[in-house]
Amino acid sequence: MFKKKSMFLVSVLLMMAVAITGCGGGSPAPVQNGSGEEGLSGVIAIAGSTSVHPLTEELTMAFMEQNRDVRIDVSGGGSGAGIESAASGAADIGMSSRALRDNETAGVQVVTIANDGIAMIVHPDNPIEGLELTMEQVYDIYTGVITNWSQVGGDDISMTVVSREEGSGTRGAFEEIVLGKDSPTERMTIQNSTGAVMAAVAADVNAIGYTSTGSLNDTIKVVPVNGAMPTVENINNASYPIFRPFIYILPEGEVGPIAEALVDFILSEEGQAIVAREKFIPIN
């Protein structure tokens, strides 16, 4: 009798287990988010280049839409600050709009997420009809050989030469490409962000400056260099000569899961489509 009761009890328990499983009471499957990562959650910080900042904002917003439990804080400060923040661990990812120098590569790895042209810009009411510059003239303007608009076909009016601050990735890339190892003129008016350069040029009809092509708007006018405008096609075929990489700096070795997933997303077809949409140049 005891044996029969035991067998009956086991049968009942088995039937109950099957019923519960059929009703969905078993262990839930891992939750997948839009990017295919399982259970991503937490906060990371990205800091650095003010040129890379707007693109990063767009990319991280798209990433966070697919990963609702992730928060990514993005701040500026310049490429130098981004490199230092990544190397020290103050930020999970640093942003730079120039290639790293030999003395900046220790303990970090770099990932190019896009390319960017550096456009020469003037006030929209600049009076020189069909103004174009050669690379030699850009060099002469930023080394102080050319100081007056009459030297490039305009009226006898002094140029206001606008540049970024020391440590800016845009300035570093511009000077490396245009000036080489030569020193810039001391006549420059210094601005500490991409937006500030644009505003300074837009406020002064005698000004000339440079800025990221991804930041261009109708408050300024773009000047062709060597006969080419800084379009994606002209940058890809190198007919436009002033362009640079957009770089993320991460710690050497193992990278946190959020940072790794973010970089994978940016390098994906979806991420690079956002790069193109924001007027930058995809890397694939």
Protein backbone atom coordinates (compact mmCIF):
# COMPACT_ATOMS: atom_id res chain seq x y z
CA MET A 1 0.00 0.00 0.00
CA PHE A 2 2.83 2.45 0.92
CA LYS A 3 4.56 1.65 -2.38
CA LYS A 4 1.38 2.35 -4.39
CA LYS A 5 0.80 5.65 -2.58
CA SER A 6 4.40 6.70 -3.26
CA MET A 7 4.10 5.93 -6.95
CA PHE A 8 0.81 7.86 -7.09
CA LEU A 9 2.41 10.89 -5.39
CA VAL A 10 5.36 10.87 -7.79
CA SER A 11 2.96 10.74 -10.77
CA VAL A 12 0.97 13.70 -9.41
CA LEU A 13 4.13 15.77 -8.87
CA LEU A 14 5.34 15.01 -12.40
CA MET A 15 2.03 16.10 -13.90
CA MET A 16 2.08 19.33 -11.88
CA ALA A 17 5.62 20.12 -13.08
CA VAL A 18 4.60 19.61 -16.72
CA ALA A 19 1.52 21.80 -16.25
CA ILE A 20 3.53 24.63 -14.68
CA THR A 21 6.14 24.48 -17.43
CA GLY A 22 3.44 24.60 -20.08
CA CYS A 23 2.00 27.75 -18.48
CA GLY A 24 5.34 29.59 -18.69
CA GLY A 25 6.32 29.18 -15.06
CA GLY A 26 9.81 27.89 -15.86
CA SER A 27 13.01 29.94 -15.88
CA PRO A 28 12.70 32.91 -18.32
CA ALA A 29 14.92 33.07 -21.38
CA PRO A 30 17.67 35.73 -21.33
CA VAL A 31 16.31 39.13 -22.39
CA GLN A 32 17.82 40.33 -25.66
CA ASN A 33 18.02 44.03 -26.47
CA GLY A 34 18.10 45.63 -29.92
CA SER A 35 21.86 45.34 -30.32
CA GLY A 36 21.83 41.63 -29.52
CA GLU A 37 23.63 42.08 -26.19
CA GLU A 38 22.18 40.23 -23.22
CA GLY A 39 21.42 42.25 -20.09
CA LEU A 40 23.61 45.31 -20.74
CA SER A 41 23.17 47.85 -17.95
CA GLY A 42 25.18 50.55 -16.26
CA VAL A 43 26.81 53.92 -16.91
CA ILE A 44 29.93 54.85 -18.86
CA ALA A 45 31.61 58.20 -19.53
CA ILE A 46 33.04 59.49 -22.81
CA ALA A 47 35.12 62.68 -22.92
CA GLY A 48 37.31 64.65 -25.30
CA SER A 49 37.21 66.31 -28.72
CA THR A 50 34.50 68.92 -29.25
CA SER A 51 34.54 67.99 -32.95
CA VAL A 52 33.80 64.32 -32.26
CA HIS A 53 31.30 65.21 -29.49
CA PRO A 54 28.21 65.92 -31.69
CA LEU A 55 28.67 62.72 -33.70
CA THR A 56 29.15 60.72 -30.51
CA GLU A 57 25.93 62.18 -29.10
CA GLU A 58 23.99 60.91 -32.12
CA LEU A 59 25.64 57.48 -32.03
CA THR A 60 25.16 56.98 -28.28
CA MET A 61 21.51 58.08 -28.45
CA ALA A 62 20.85 55.40 -31.07
CA PHE A 63 22.73 52.83 -28.99
CA MET A 64 20.82 53.69 -25.80
CA GLU A 65 17.50 53.37 -27.62
CA GLN A 66 18.42 49.72 -28.18
CA ASN A 67 19.86 49.28 -24.67
CA ARG A 68 17.38 50.89 -22.31
CA ASP A 69 19.32 50.07 -19.13
CA VAL A 70 22.50 51.81 -20.34
CA ARG A 71 23.40 55.46 -19.78
CA ILE A 72 26.32 57.11 -21.58
CA ASP A 73 27.52 60.52 -20.42
CA VAL A 74 29.36 62.49 -23.14
CA SER A 75 31.41 65.62 -22.42
CA GLY A 76 33.91 67.78 -24.31
CA GLY A 77 37.21 69.28 -23.19
CA GLY A 78 39.34 68.77 -26.31
CA SER A 79 41.33 65.89 -27.76
CA GLY A 80 44.19 66.27 -25.29
CA ALA A 81 41.78 65.94 -22.38
CA GLY A 82 40.14 62.93 -24.02
CA ILE A 83 43.45 61.13 -24.44
CA GLU A 84 44.45 61.85 -20.84
CA SER A 85 41.03 60.83 -19.48
CA ALA A 86 41.15 57.47 -21.27
CA ALA A 87 44.74 56.79 -20.19
CA SER A 88 44.03 57.64 -16.53
CA GLY A 89 40.70 55.84 -16.36
CA ALA A 90 38.78 59.07 -15.67
CA ALA A 91 36.69 58.23 -18.75
CA ASP A 92 35.78 54.85 -20.22
CA ILE A 93 36.37 56.19 -23.73
CA GLY A 94 38.33 59.22 -24.88
CA MET A 95 37.59 61.11 -28.10
CA SER A 96 40.28 62.59 -30.34
CA SER A 97 40.06 64.37 -33.67
CA ARG A 98 43.72 63.80 -34.44
CA ALA A 99 46.07 60.83 -34.54
CA LEU A 100 47.83 60.09 -31.26
CA ARG A 101 51.48 61.03 -30.92
CA ASP A 102 54.09 58.41 -30.01
CA ASN A 103 54.20 59.57 -26.38
CA GLU A 104 50.40 59.24 -26.02
CA THR A 105 49.94 55.59 -27.02
CA ALA A 106 51.15 53.82 -23.87
CA GLY A 107 48.44 51.78 -22.15
CA VAL A 108 45.69 52.56 -24.66
CA GLN A 109 44.24 51.28 -27.91
CA VAL A 110 42.70 53.43 -30.64
CA VAL A 111 39.70 52.82 -32.90
CA THR A 112 38.94 55.05 -35.88
CA ILE A 113 35.16 55.52 -36.05
CA ALA A 114 34.97 58.02 -38.95
CA ASN A 115 36.93 60.50 -41.02
CA ASP A 116 36.32 64.22 -41.24
CA GLY A 117 37.30 67.07 -43.52
CA ILE A 118 38.54 70.36 -42.12
CA ALA A 119 36.89 73.15 -44.07
CA MET A 120 38.27 76.65 -44.58
CA ILE A 121 35.51 79.13 -43.76
CA VAL A 122 34.84 82.85 -44.18
CA HIS A 123 31.98 85.24 -43.49
CA PRO A 124 29.04 84.71 -45.91
CA ASP A 125 29.41 88.32 -47.09
CA ASN A 126 33.12 88.03 -47.85
CA PRO A 127 33.46 90.40 -50.83
CA ILE A 128 35.93 88.37 -52.92
CA GLU A 129 34.01 86.92 -55.85
CA GLY A 130 34.75 83.22 -56.35
CA LEU A 131 37.31 83.10 -53.54
CA GLU A 132 39.52 80.01 -53.74
CA LEU A 133 42.73 79.19 -51.89
CA THR A 134 45.68 76.93 -52.56
CA MET A 135 47.32 74.91 -49.81
CA GLU A 136 50.30 77.26 -50.11
CA GLN A 137 48.05 80.25 -49.45
CA VAL A 138 46.45 78.53 -46.43
CA TYR A 139 49.97 77.85 -45.14
CA ASP A 140 50.93 81.50 -45.69
CA ILE A 141 47.81 82.77 -43.88
CA TYR A 142 48.46 80.62 -40.81
CA THR A 143 52.19 81.31 -40.66
CA GLY A 144 51.71 85.07 -41.01
CA VAL A 145 53.07 85.59 -44.56
CA ILE A 146 49.60 86.63 -45.76
CA THR A 147 47.97 89.15 -43.43
CA ASN A 148 45.78 91.21 -45.77
CA TRP A 149 42.89 90.29 -48.06
CA SER A 150 44.59 92.17 -50.92
CA GLN A 151 47.18 89.38 -51.02
CA VAL A 152 44.49 86.90 -52.18
CA GLY A 153 42.59 89.19 -54.53
CA GLY A 154 40.54 91.29 -52.13
CA ASP A 155 40.55 94.84 -50.79
CA ASP A 156 43.31 96.31 -48.65
CA ILE A 157 41.86 95.08 -45.35
CA SER A 158 43.60 93.17 -42.56
CA MET A 159 42.60 89.53 -42.10
CA THR A 160 41.23 88.24 -38.83
CA VAL A 161 42.79 84.77 -38.58
CA VAL A 162 40.78 82.49 -36.31
CA SER A 163 42.14 79.24 -34.82
CA ARG A 164 41.47 76.72 -32.07
CA GLU A 165 43.24 76.58 -28.73
CA GLU A 166 46.36 74.53 -27.91
CA GLY A 167 45.38 70.91 -27.28
CA SER A 168 42.49 70.99 -29.74
CA GLY A 169 42.46 67.95 -32.01
CA THR A 170 41.17 70.05 -34.89
CA ARG A 171 44.04 72.49 -34.48
CA GLY A 172 46.55 69.65 -34.08
CA ALA A 173 45.35 67.95 -37.26
CA PHE A 174 45.12 71.23 -39.20
CA GLU A 175 48.64 72.31 -38.26
CA GLU A 176 50.11 68.86 -38.94
CA ILE A 177 48.53 68.76 -42.42
CA VAL A 178 48.98 72.40 -43.41
CA LEU A 179 51.98 73.71 -41.46
CA GLY A 180 54.02 70.57 -40.92
CA LYS A 181 56.59 71.38 -38.24
CA ASP A 182 56.42 75.16 -38.77
CA SER A 183 54.98 77.45 -36.10
CA PRO A 184 51.67 79.26 -36.53
CA THR A 185 51.41 83.03 -36.57
CA GLU A 186 50.94 84.86 -33.27
CA ARG A 187 48.29 87.02 -34.94
CA MET A 188 45.61 84.34 -34.54
CA THR A 189 42.41 84.93 -32.61
CA ILE A 190 41.98 81.83 -30.43
CA GLN A 191 38.63 80.13 -29.80
CA ASN A 192 38.10 77.15 -27.51
CA SER A 193 35.50 75.14 -29.41
CA THR A 194 34.21 74.34 -32.88
CA GLY A 195 31.09 76.40 -32.24
CA ALA A 196 33.13 79.37 -31.06
CA VAL A 197 35.24 79.37 -34.24
CA MET A 198 32.06 79.34 -36.35
CA ALA A 199 30.54 82.17 -34.32
CA ALA A 200 33.72 84.29 -34.53
CA VAL A 201 33.91 83.94 -38.32
CA ALA A 202 30.17 84.56 -38.72
CA ALA A 203 30.52 87.81 -36.72
CA ASP A 204 33.46 89.31 -38.66
CA VAL A 205 33.34 89.92 -42.42
CA ASN A 206 37.17 90.03 -42.49
CA ALA A 207 37.64 86.70 -40.69
CA ILE A 208 38.92 83.35 -41.92
CA GLY A 209 38.97 80.12 -39.92
CA TYR A 210 38.69 76.35 -40.13
CA THR A 211 36.24 73.83 -38.76
CA SER A 212 34.97 70.27 -39.03
CA THR A 213 32.90 69.62 -42.15
CA GLY A 214 30.34 67.84 -39.98
CA SER A 215 29.66 71.11 -38.15
CA LEU A 216 29.11 73.35 -41.16
CA ASN A 217 25.97 75.48 -41.38
CA ASP A 218 24.70 78.48 -43.31
CA THR A 219 26.16 81.06 -40.90
CA ILE A 220 29.48 80.83 -42.77
CA LYS A 221 30.80 80.20 -46.30
CA VAL A 222 33.13 77.37 -47.29
CA VAL A 223 36.20 78.16 -49.39
CA PRO A 224 37.53 75.63 -51.94
CA VAL A 225 41.15 74.54 -51.42
CA ASN A 226 43.21 73.42 -54.43
CA GLY A 227 40.04 73.79 -56.49
CA ALA A 228 38.02 71.28 -54.43
CA MET A 229 35.25 71.58 -51.85
CA PRO A 230 35.42 69.32 -48.75
CA THR A 231 32.79 66.81 -49.91
CA VAL A 232 32.80 63.12 -49.03
CA GLU A 233 33.79 62.22 -52.58
CA ASN A 234 36.64 64.76 -52.72
CA ILE A 235 37.98 63.67 -49.34
CA ASN A 236 37.82 59.98 -50.25
CA ASN A 237 39.72 60.57 -53.49
CA ALA A 238 42.10 63.02 -51.74
CA SER A 239 41.39 65.90 -54.13
CA TYR A 240 40.47 67.90 -51.04
CA PRO A 241 43.67 67.89 -48.99
CA ILE A 242 42.69 68.76 -45.38
CA PHE A 243 41.10 65.86 -43.51
CA ARG A 244 41.71 63.77 -40.36
CA PRO A 245 40.43 60.72 -38.42
CA PHE A 246 37.89 60.67 -35.60
CA ILE A 247 39.28 58.34 -32.95
CA TYR A 248 38.08 56.60 -29.78
CA ILE A 249 40.73 55.82 -27.16
CA LEU A 250 40.14 52.82 -24.89
CA PRO A 251 42.25 51.12 -22.22
CA GLU A 252 44.67 48.53 -23.50
CA GLY A 253 43.54 44.95 -22.96
CA GLU A 254 40.09 44.06 -21.66
CA VAL A 255 37.37 46.63 -22.30
CA GLY A 256 34.11 46.89 -20.35
CA PRO A 257 31.04 45.25 -21.94
CA ILE A 258 29.18 48.52 -22.61
CA ALA A 259 32.16 50.22 -24.24
CA GLU A 260 32.88 47.13 -26.32
CA ALA A 261 29.25 46.82 -27.45
CA LEU A 262 29.12 50.55 -28.28
CA VAL A 263 32.23 50.37 -30.48
CA ASP A 264 30.86 47.28 -32.23
CA PHE A 265 27.61 49.15 -32.88
CA ILE A 266 29.41 52.23 -34.28
CA LEU A 267 31.51 50.10 -36.63
CA SER A 268 28.44 48.20 -37.83
CA GLU A 269 26.49 49.06 -40.97
CA GLU A 270 23.85 50.78 -38.83
CA GLY A 271 26.41 52.88 -36.96
CA GLN A 272 28.27 53.91 -40.10
CA ALA A 273 24.96 54.94 -41.68
CA ILE A 274 24.58 57.41 -38.80
CA VAL A 275 28.13 58.67 -39.49
CA ALA A 276 27.13 59.36 -43.11
CA ARG A 277 23.82 60.94 -42.09
CA GLU A 278 25.70 63.39 -39.85
CA LYS A 279 27.85 64.50 -42.84
CA PHE A 280 31.00 62.67 -41.76
CA ILE A 281 32.86 60.06 -43.75
CA PRO A 282 32.25 56.35 -42.99
CA ILE A 283 35.28 54.12 -42.67
CA ASN A 284 33.67 51.15 -44.42
